[in-house]
Amino acid sequence: MSVHVNELCRQACEKDAAFFEEAFRGTDCPADLKRAATRICRSYGINGICDPVYIANVIAVEIGRGDGQSNFNNETI
């Protein structure tokens, strides 16, 4: 029984990682903003393909690390 559950968990983790990899493909999003957006999406069940980058862009604008159009300032504050 636990082998089956472990396999399902592994598959879910792989699917989750692939989703976020695809969502951030082609962007130069800094790792910390990517991590924050990923955690927000996971916490609130946000699963639209464009949502993680949108959230990262909003965060970047609010803290002065981007222009909201996927042009990020990679310097940490």
PDB file of N, CA and C in Angstrom:
ATOM      1  N   MET A   1       0.822  -1.192   0.000  1.00  0.00           N
ATOM      2  CA  MET A   1       0.000   0.000   0.000  1.00  0.00           C
ATOM      3  C   MET A   1       0.866   1.256   0.000  1.00  0.00           C
ATOM      4  N   SER A   2       1.872   1.335   0.874  1.00  0.00           N
ATOM      5  CA  SER A   2       2.673   2.555   0.962  1.00  0.00           C
ATOM      6  C   SER A   2       3.521   2.770  -0.290  1.00  0.00           C
ATOM      7  N   VAL A   3       3.891   1.700  -0.977  1.00  0.00           N
ATOM      8  CA  VAL A   3       4.646   1.835  -2.216  1.00  0.00           C
ATOM      9  C   VAL A   3       3.783   2.557  -3.251  1.00  0.00           C
ATOM     10  N   HIS A   4       2.521   2.220  -3.323  1.00  0.00           N
ATOM     11  CA  HIS A   4       1.598   2.870  -4.248  1.00  0.00           C
ATOM     12  C   HIS A   4       1.439   4.356  -3.899  1.00  0.00           C
ATOM     13  N   VAL A   5       1.294   4.663  -2.638  1.00  0.00           N
ATOM     14  CA  VAL A   5       1.152   6.049  -2.195  1.00  0.00           C
ATOM     15  C   VAL A   5       2.429   6.823  -2.490  1.00  0.00           C
ATOM     16  N   ASN A   6       3.568   6.225  -2.232  1.00  0.00           N
ATOM     17  CA  ASN A   6       4.840   6.889  -2.522  1.00  0.00           C
ATOM     18  C   ASN A   6       4.984   7.187  -4.010  1.00  0.00           C
ATOM     19  N   GLU A   7       4.557   6.264  -4.849  1.00  0.00           N
ATOM     20  CA  GLU A   7       4.624   6.462  -6.290  1.00  0.00           C
ATOM     21  C   GLU A   7       3.700   7.599  -6.719  1.00  0.00           C
ATOM     22  N   LEU A   8       2.517   7.657  -6.163  1.00  0.00           N
ATOM     23  CA  LEU A   8       1.591   8.751  -6.472  1.00  0.00           C
ATOM     24  C   LEU A   8       2.167  10.097  -6.037  1.00  0.00           C
ATOM     25  N   CYS A   9       2.795  10.132  -4.877  1.00  0.00           N
ATOM     26  CA  CYS A   9       3.428  11.365  -4.393  1.00  0.00           C
ATOM     27  C   CYS A   9       4.574  11.786  -5.308  1.00  0.00           C
ATOM     28  N   ARG A  10       5.365  10.834  -5.737  1.00  0.00           N
ATOM     29  CA  ARG A  10       6.470  11.139  -6.639  1.00  0.00           C
ATOM     30  C   ARG A  10       5.957  11.713  -7.948  1.00  0.00           C
ATOM     31  N   GLN A  11       4.917  11.114  -8.484  1.00  0.00           N
ATOM     32  CA  GLN A  11       4.337  11.592  -9.734  1.00  0.00           C
ATOM     33  C   GLN A  11       3.758  12.996  -9.576  1.00  0.00           C
ATOM     34  N   ALA A  12       3.114  13.256  -8.445  1.00  0.00           N
ATOM     35  CA  ALA A  12       2.547  14.584  -8.190  1.00  0.00           C
ATOM     36  C   ALA A  12       3.651  15.634  -8.091  1.00  0.00           C
ATOM     37  N   CYS A  13       4.756  15.289  -7.442  1.00  0.00           N
ATOM     38  CA  CYS A  13       5.886  16.220  -7.333  1.00  0.00           C
ATOM     39  C   CYS A  13       6.494  16.507  -8.697  1.00  0.00           C
ATOM     40  N   GLU A  14       6.621  15.486  -9.533  1.00  0.00           N
ATOM     41  CA  GLU A  14       7.158  15.679 -10.874  1.00  0.00           C
ATOM     42  C   GLU A  14       6.236  16.563 -11.714  1.00  0.00           C
ATOM     43  N   LYS A  15       4.937  16.329 -11.610  1.00  0.00           N
ATOM     44  CA  LYS A  15       3.963  17.133 -12.351  1.00  0.00           C
ATOM     45  C   LYS A  15       4.005  18.588 -11.883  1.00  0.00           C
ATOM     46  N   ASP A  16       4.116  18.797 -10.581  1.00  0.00           N
ATOM     47  CA  ASP A  16       4.197  20.133 -10.010  1.00  0.00           C
ATOM     48  C   ASP A  16       5.450  20.860 -10.505  1.00  0.00           C
ATOM     49  N   ALA A  17       6.585  20.182 -10.465  1.00  0.00           N
ATOM     50  CA  ALA A  17       7.844  20.789 -10.924  1.00  0.00           C
ATOM     51  C   ALA A  17       7.775  21.119 -12.412  1.00  0.00           C
ATOM     52  N   ALA A  18       7.189  20.237 -13.203  1.00  0.00           N
ATOM     53  CA  ALA A  18       7.070  20.475 -14.642  1.00  0.00           C
ATOM     54  C   ALA A  18       6.156  21.663 -14.926  1.00  0.00           C
ATOM     55  N   PHE A  19       5.081  21.804 -14.157  1.00  0.00           N
ATOM     56  CA  PHE A  19       4.169  22.939 -14.325  1.00  0.00           C
ATOM     57  C   PHE A  19       4.898  24.261 -14.121  1.00  0.00           C
ATOM     58  N   PHE A  20       5.645  24.380 -13.024  1.00  0.00           N
ATOM     59  CA  PHE A  20       6.327  25.641 -12.736  1.00  0.00           C
ATOM     60  C   PHE A  20       7.491  25.886 -13.695  1.00  0.00           C
ATOM     61  N   GLU A  21       8.142  24.830 -14.131  1.00  0.00           N
ATOM     62  CA  GLU A  21       9.199  24.988 -15.133  1.00  0.00           C
ATOM     63  C   GLU A  21       8.620  25.566 -16.425  1.00  0.00           C
ATOM     64  N   GLU A  22       7.485  25.047 -16.843  1.00  0.00           N
ATOM     65  CA  GLU A  22       6.820  25.547 -18.052  1.00  0.00           C
ATOM     66  C   GLU A  22       6.314  26.976 -17.843  1.00  0.00           C
ATOM     67  N   ALA A  23       5.779  27.257 -16.672  1.00  0.00           N
ATOM     68  CA  ALA A  23       5.227  28.589 -16.400  1.00  0.00           C
ATOM     69  C   ALA A  23       6.301  29.673 -16.472  1.00  0.00           C
ATOM     70  N   PHE A  24       7.499  29.374 -16.002  1.00  0.00           N
ATOM     71  CA  PHE A  24       8.570  30.372 -15.970  1.00  0.00           C
ATOM     72  C   PHE A  24       9.506  30.284 -17.176  1.00  0.00           C
ATOM     73  N   ARG A  25       9.218  29.403 -18.130  1.00  0.00           N
ATOM     74  CA  ARG A  25      10.064  29.255 -19.309  1.00  0.00           C
ATOM     75  C   ARG A  25      10.097  30.569 -20.091  1.00  0.00           C
ATOM     76  N   GLY A  26      11.292  30.972 -20.484  1.00  0.00           N
ATOM     77  CA  GLY A  26      11.460  32.174 -21.296  1.00  0.00           C
ATOM     78  C   GLY A  26      11.518  33.466 -20.502  1.00  0.00           C
ATOM     79  N   THR A  27      11.448  33.383 -19.187  1.00  0.00           N
ATOM     80  CA  THR A  27      11.560  34.579 -18.364  1.00  0.00           C
ATOM     81  C   THR A  27      12.897  34.585 -17.648  1.00  0.00           C
ATOM     82  N   ASP A  28      13.316  35.759 -17.277  1.00  0.00           N
ATOM     83  CA  ASP A  28      14.556  35.918 -16.517  1.00  0.00           C
ATOM     84  C   ASP A  28      14.205  36.280 -15.074  1.00  0.00           C
ATOM     85  N   CYS A  29      13.240  35.559 -14.541  1.00  0.00           N
ATOM     86  CA  CYS A  29      12.751  35.842 -13.197  1.00  0.00           C
ATOM     87  C   CYS A  29      13.788  35.417 -12.160  1.00  0.00           C
ATOM     88  N   PRO A  30      14.140  36.334 -11.244  1.00  0.00           N
ATOM     89  CA  PRO A  30      15.085  35.972 -10.183  1.00  0.00           C
ATOM     90  C   PRO A  30      14.559  34.826  -9.325  1.00  0.00           C
ATOM     91  N   ALA A  31      15.453  34.052  -8.803  1.00  0.00           N
ATOM     92  CA  ALA A  31      15.087  32.849  -8.045  1.00  0.00           C
ATOM     93  C   ALA A  31      14.204  33.157  -6.844  1.00  0.00           C
ATOM     94  N   ASP A  32      14.485  34.254  -6.137  1.00  0.00           N
ATOM     95  CA  ASP A  32      13.684  34.557  -4.949  1.00  0.00           C
ATOM     96  C   ASP A  32      12.253  34.940  -5.307  1.00  0.00           C
ATOM     97  N   LEU A  33      12.063  35.663  -6.397  1.00  0.00           N
ATOM     98  CA  LEU A  33      10.710  36.016  -6.828  1.00  0.00           C
ATOM     99  C   LEU A  33       9.980  34.790  -7.371  1.00  0.00           C
ATOM    100  N   LYS A  34      10.704  33.943  -8.054  1.00  0.00           N
ATOM    101  CA  LYS A  34      10.125  32.696  -8.562  1.00  0.00           C
ATOM    102  C   LYS A  34       9.667  31.813  -7.404  1.00  0.00           C
ATOM    103  N   ARG A  35      10.505  31.732  -6.385  1.00  0.00           N
ATOM    104  CA  ARG A  35      10.172  30.919  -5.209  1.00  0.00           C
ATOM    105  C   ARG A  35       8.939  31.472  -4.496  1.00  0.00           C
ATOM    106  N   ALA A  36       8.860  32.802  -4.341  1.00  0.00           N
ATOM    107  CA  ALA A  36       7.702  33.413  -3.676  1.00  0.00           C
ATOM    108  C   ALA A  36       6.425  33.169  -4.475  1.00  0.00           C
ATOM    109  N   ALA A  37       6.481  33.362  -5.783  1.00  0.00           N
ATOM    110  CA  ALA A  37       5.306  33.156  -6.625  1.00  0.00           C
ATOM    111  C   ALA A  37       4.878  31.686  -6.607  1.00  0.00           C
ATOM    112  N   THR A  38       5.834  30.794  -6.634  1.00  0.00           N
ATOM    113  CA  THR A  38       5.533  29.358  -6.589  1.00  0.00           C
ATOM    114  C   THR A  38       4.843  29.001  -5.280  1.00  0.00           C
ATOM    115  N   ARG A  39       5.343  29.526  -4.183  1.00  0.00           N
ATOM    116  CA  ARG A  39       4.743  29.223  -2.880  1.00  0.00           C
ATOM    117  C   ARG A  39       3.337  29.789  -2.760  1.00  0.00           C
ATOM    118  N   ILE A  40       3.114  30.978  -3.297  1.00  0.00           N
ATOM    119  CA  ILE A  40       1.771  31.566  -3.279  1.00  0.00           C
ATOM    120  C   ILE A  40       0.821  30.702  -4.095  1.00  0.00           C
ATOM    121  N   CYS A  41       1.244  30.293  -5.281  1.00  0.00           N
ATOM    122  CA  CYS A  41       0.394  29.438  -6.124  1.00  0.00           C
ATOM    123  C   CYS A  41       0.062  28.124  -5.440  1.00  0.00           C
ATOM    124  N   ARG A  42       1.039  27.513  -4.828  1.00  0.00           N
ATOM    125  CA  ARG A  42       0.800  26.239  -4.141  1.00  0.00           C
ATOM    126  C   ARG A  42      -0.123  26.434  -2.939  1.00  0.00           C
ATOM    127  N   SER A  43       0.095  27.505  -2.177  1.00  0.00           N
ATOM    128  CA  SER A  43      -0.688  27.739  -0.963  1.00  0.00           C
ATOM    129  C   SER A  43      -2.157  27.988  -1.248  1.00  0.00           C
ATOM    130  N   TYR A  44      -2.441  28.696  -2.332  1.00  0.00           N
ATOM    131  CA  TYR A  44      -3.815  29.079  -2.624  1.00  0.00           C
ATOM    132  C   TYR A  44      -4.441  28.292  -3.766  1.00  0.00           C
ATOM    133  N   GLY A  45      -3.763  27.279  -4.253  1.00  0.00           N
ATOM    134  CA  GLY A  45      -4.316  26.435  -5.303  1.00  0.00           C
ATOM    135  C   GLY A  45      -4.477  27.159  -6.630  1.00  0.00           C
ATOM    136  N   ILE A  46      -3.592  28.102  -6.897  1.00  0.00           N
ATOM    137  CA  ILE A  46      -3.632  28.848  -8.157  1.00  0.00           C
ATOM    138  C   ILE A  46      -2.907  28.010  -9.197  1.00  0.00           C
ATOM    139  N   ASN A  47      -3.600  27.668 -10.289  1.00  0.00           N
ATOM    140  CA  ASN A  47      -2.986  26.738 -11.223  1.00  0.00           C
ATOM    141  C   ASN A  47      -3.105  27.143 -12.688  1.00  0.00           C
ATOM    142  N   GLY A  48      -3.307  28.420 -12.958  1.00  0.00           N
ATOM    143  CA  GLY A  48      -3.269  28.890 -14.337  1.00  0.00           C
ATOM    144  C   GLY A  48      -1.819  28.993 -14.798  1.00  0.00           C
ATOM    145  N   ILE A  49      -1.540  28.676 -16.026  1.00  0.00           N
ATOM    146  CA  ILE A  49      -0.160  28.632 -16.515  1.00  0.00           C
ATOM    147  C   ILE A  49       0.495  30.011 -16.493  1.00  0.00           C
ATOM    148  N   CYS A  50      -0.268  31.079 -16.632  1.00  0.00           N
ATOM    149  CA  CYS A  50       0.294  32.433 -16.634  1.00  0.00           C
ATOM    150  C   CYS A  50       0.367  33.045 -15.234  1.00  0.00           C
ATOM    151  N   ASP A  51      -0.322  32.454 -14.281  1.00  0.00           N
ATOM    152  CA  ASP A  51      -0.424  33.042 -12.951  1.00  0.00           C
ATOM    153  C   ASP A  51       0.902  33.175 -12.197  1.00  0.00           C
ATOM    154  N   PRO A  52       1.799  32.180 -12.219  1.00  0.00           N
ATOM    155  CA  PRO A  52       3.049  32.338 -11.465  1.00  0.00           C
ATOM    156  C   PRO A  52       3.876  33.540 -11.924  1.00  0.00           C
ATOM    157  N   VAL A  53       3.987  33.753 -13.225  1.00  0.00           N
ATOM    158  CA  VAL A  53       4.773  34.891 -13.715  1.00  0.00           C
ATOM    159  C   VAL A  53       4.049  36.199 -13.419  1.00  0.00           C
ATOM    160  N   TYR A  54       2.723  36.199 -13.518  1.00  0.00           N
ATOM    161  CA  TYR A  54       1.949  37.391 -13.181  1.00  0.00           C
ATOM    162  C   TYR A  54       2.206  37.775 -11.722  1.00  0.00           C
ATOM    163  N   ILE A  55       2.148  36.799 -10.841  1.00  0.00           N
ATOM    164  CA  ILE A  55       2.382  37.055  -9.417  1.00  0.00           C
ATOM    165  C   ILE A  55       3.804  37.559  -9.193  1.00  0.00           C
ATOM    166  N   ALA A  56       4.773  36.951  -9.857  1.00  0.00           N
ATOM    167  CA  ALA A  56       6.163  37.407  -9.739  1.00  0.00           C
ATOM    168  C   ALA A  56       6.307  38.846 -10.226  1.00  0.00           C
ATOM    169  N   ASN A  57       5.612  39.190 -11.300  1.00  0.00           N
ATOM    170  CA  ASN A  57       5.653  40.557 -11.821  1.00  0.00           C
ATOM    171  C   ASN A  57       5.040  41.554 -10.838  1.00  0.00           C
ATOM    172  N   VAL A  58       3.932  41.191 -10.220  1.00  0.00           N
ATOM    173  CA  VAL A  58       3.290  42.071  -9.239  1.00  0.00           C
ATOM    174  C   VAL A  58       4.221  42.285  -8.052  1.00  0.00           C
ATOM    175  N   ILE A  59       4.815  41.225  -7.563  1.00  0.00           N
ATOM    176  CA  ILE A  59       5.757  41.342  -6.450  1.00  0.00           C
ATOM    177  C   ILE A  59       6.917  42.249  -6.842  1.00  0.00           C
ATOM    178  N   ALA A  60       7.468  42.039  -8.032  1.00  0.00           N
ATOM    179  CA  ALA A  60       8.615  42.827  -8.498  1.00  0.00           C
ATOM    180  C   ALA A  60       8.279  44.309  -8.577  1.00  0.00           C
ATOM    181  N   VAL A  61       7.103  44.649  -9.087  1.00  0.00           N
ATOM    182  CA  VAL A  61       6.705  46.060  -9.172  1.00  0.00           C
ATOM    183  C   VAL A  61       6.573  46.654  -7.774  1.00  0.00           C
ATOM    184  N   GLU A  62       5.927  45.915  -6.888  1.00  0.00           N
ATOM    185  CA  GLU A  62       5.675  46.431  -5.545  1.00  0.00           C
ATOM    186  C   GLU A  62       6.956  46.669  -4.743  1.00  0.00           C
ATOM    187  N   ILE A  63       7.986  45.878  -4.994  1.00  0.00           N
ATOM    188  CA  ILE A  63       9.228  46.063  -4.225  1.00  0.00           C
ATOM    189  C   ILE A  63      10.317  46.753  -5.044  1.00  0.00           C
ATOM    190  N   GLY A  64       9.957  47.241  -6.218  1.00  0.00           N
ATOM    191  CA  GLY A  64      10.901  47.998  -7.032  1.00  0.00           C
ATOM    192  C   GLY A  64      11.960  47.162  -7.724  1.00  0.00           C
ATOM    193  N   ARG A  65      11.613  45.918  -8.072  1.00  0.00           N
ATOM    194  CA  ARG A  65      12.584  45.048  -8.734  1.00  0.00           C
ATOM    195  C   ARG A  65      12.160  44.637 -10.128  1.00  0.00           C
ATOM    196  N   GLY A  66      11.220  45.369 -10.701  1.00  0.00           N
ATOM    197  CA  GLY A  66      10.785  45.068 -12.053  1.00  0.00           C
ATOM    198  C   GLY A  66       9.742  46.054 -12.519  1.00  0.00           C
ATOM    199  N   ASP A  67       9.411  45.976 -13.808  1.00  0.00           N
ATOM    200  CA  ASP A  67       8.450  46.913 -14.387  1.00  0.00           C
ATOM    201  C   ASP A  67       7.075  46.302 -14.609  1.00  0.00           C
ATOM    202  N   GLY A  68       6.872  45.062 -14.206  1.00  0.00           N
ATOM    203  CA  GLY A  68       5.587  44.414 -14.379  1.00  0.00           C
ATOM    204  C   GLY A  68       5.409  43.781 -15.741  1.00  0.00           C
ATOM    205  N   GLN A  69       6.436  43.832 -16.571  1.00  0.00           N
ATOM    206  CA  GLN A  69       6.365  43.252 -17.908  1.00  0.00           C
ATOM    207  C   GLN A  69       7.492  42.249 -18.125  1.00  0.00           C
ATOM    208  N   SER A  70       7.798  41.513 -17.085  1.00  0.00           N
ATOM    209  CA  SER A  70       8.845  40.484 -17.082  1.00  0.00           C
ATOM    210  C   SER A  70      10.240  41.037 -17.319  1.00  0.00           C
ATOM    211  N   ASN A  71      10.445  42.298 -17.006  1.00  0.00           N
ATOM    212  CA  ASN A  71      11.794  42.885 -17.006  1.00  0.00           C
ATOM    213  C   ASN A  71      12.167  43.061 -15.539  1.00  0.00           C
ATOM    214  N   PHE A  72      12.961  42.121 -15.059  1.00  0.00           N
ATOM    215  CA  PHE A  72      13.289  42.074 -13.643  1.00  0.00           C
ATOM    216  C   PHE A  72      14.673  42.639 -13.383  1.00  0.00           C
ATOM    217  N   ASN A  73      14.802  43.272 -12.227  1.00  0.00           N
ATOM    218  CA  ASN A  73      16.089  43.696 -11.718  1.00  0.00           C
ATOM    219  C   ASN A  73      16.560  42.560 -10.818  1.00  0.00           C
ATOM    220  N   ASN A  74      17.629  41.897 -11.192  1.00  0.00           N
ATOM    221  CA  ASN A  74      18.073  40.710 -10.455  1.00  0.00           C
ATOM    222  C   ASN A  74      18.823  41.015  -9.178  1.00  0.00           C
ATOM    223  N   GLU A  75      18.982  42.270  -8.847  1.00  0.00           N
ATOM    224  CA  GLU A  75      19.675  42.621  -7.611  1.00  0.00           C
ATOM    225  C   GLU A  75      18.716  42.446  -6.437  1.00  0.00           C
ATOM    226  N   THR A  76      19.192  41.794  -5.394  1.00  0.00           N
ATOM    227  CA  THR A  76      18.370  41.656  -4.202  1.00  0.00           C
ATOM    228  C   THR A  76      18.562  42.877  -3.323  1.00  0.00           C
ATOM    229  N   ILE A  77      17.531  43.200  -2.594  1.00  0.00           N
ATOM    230  CA  ILE A  77      17.571  44.393  -1.726  1.00  0.00           C
ATOM    231  C   ILE A  77      18.087  44.011  -0.360  1.00  0.00           C
TER     232      ILE A  77
END
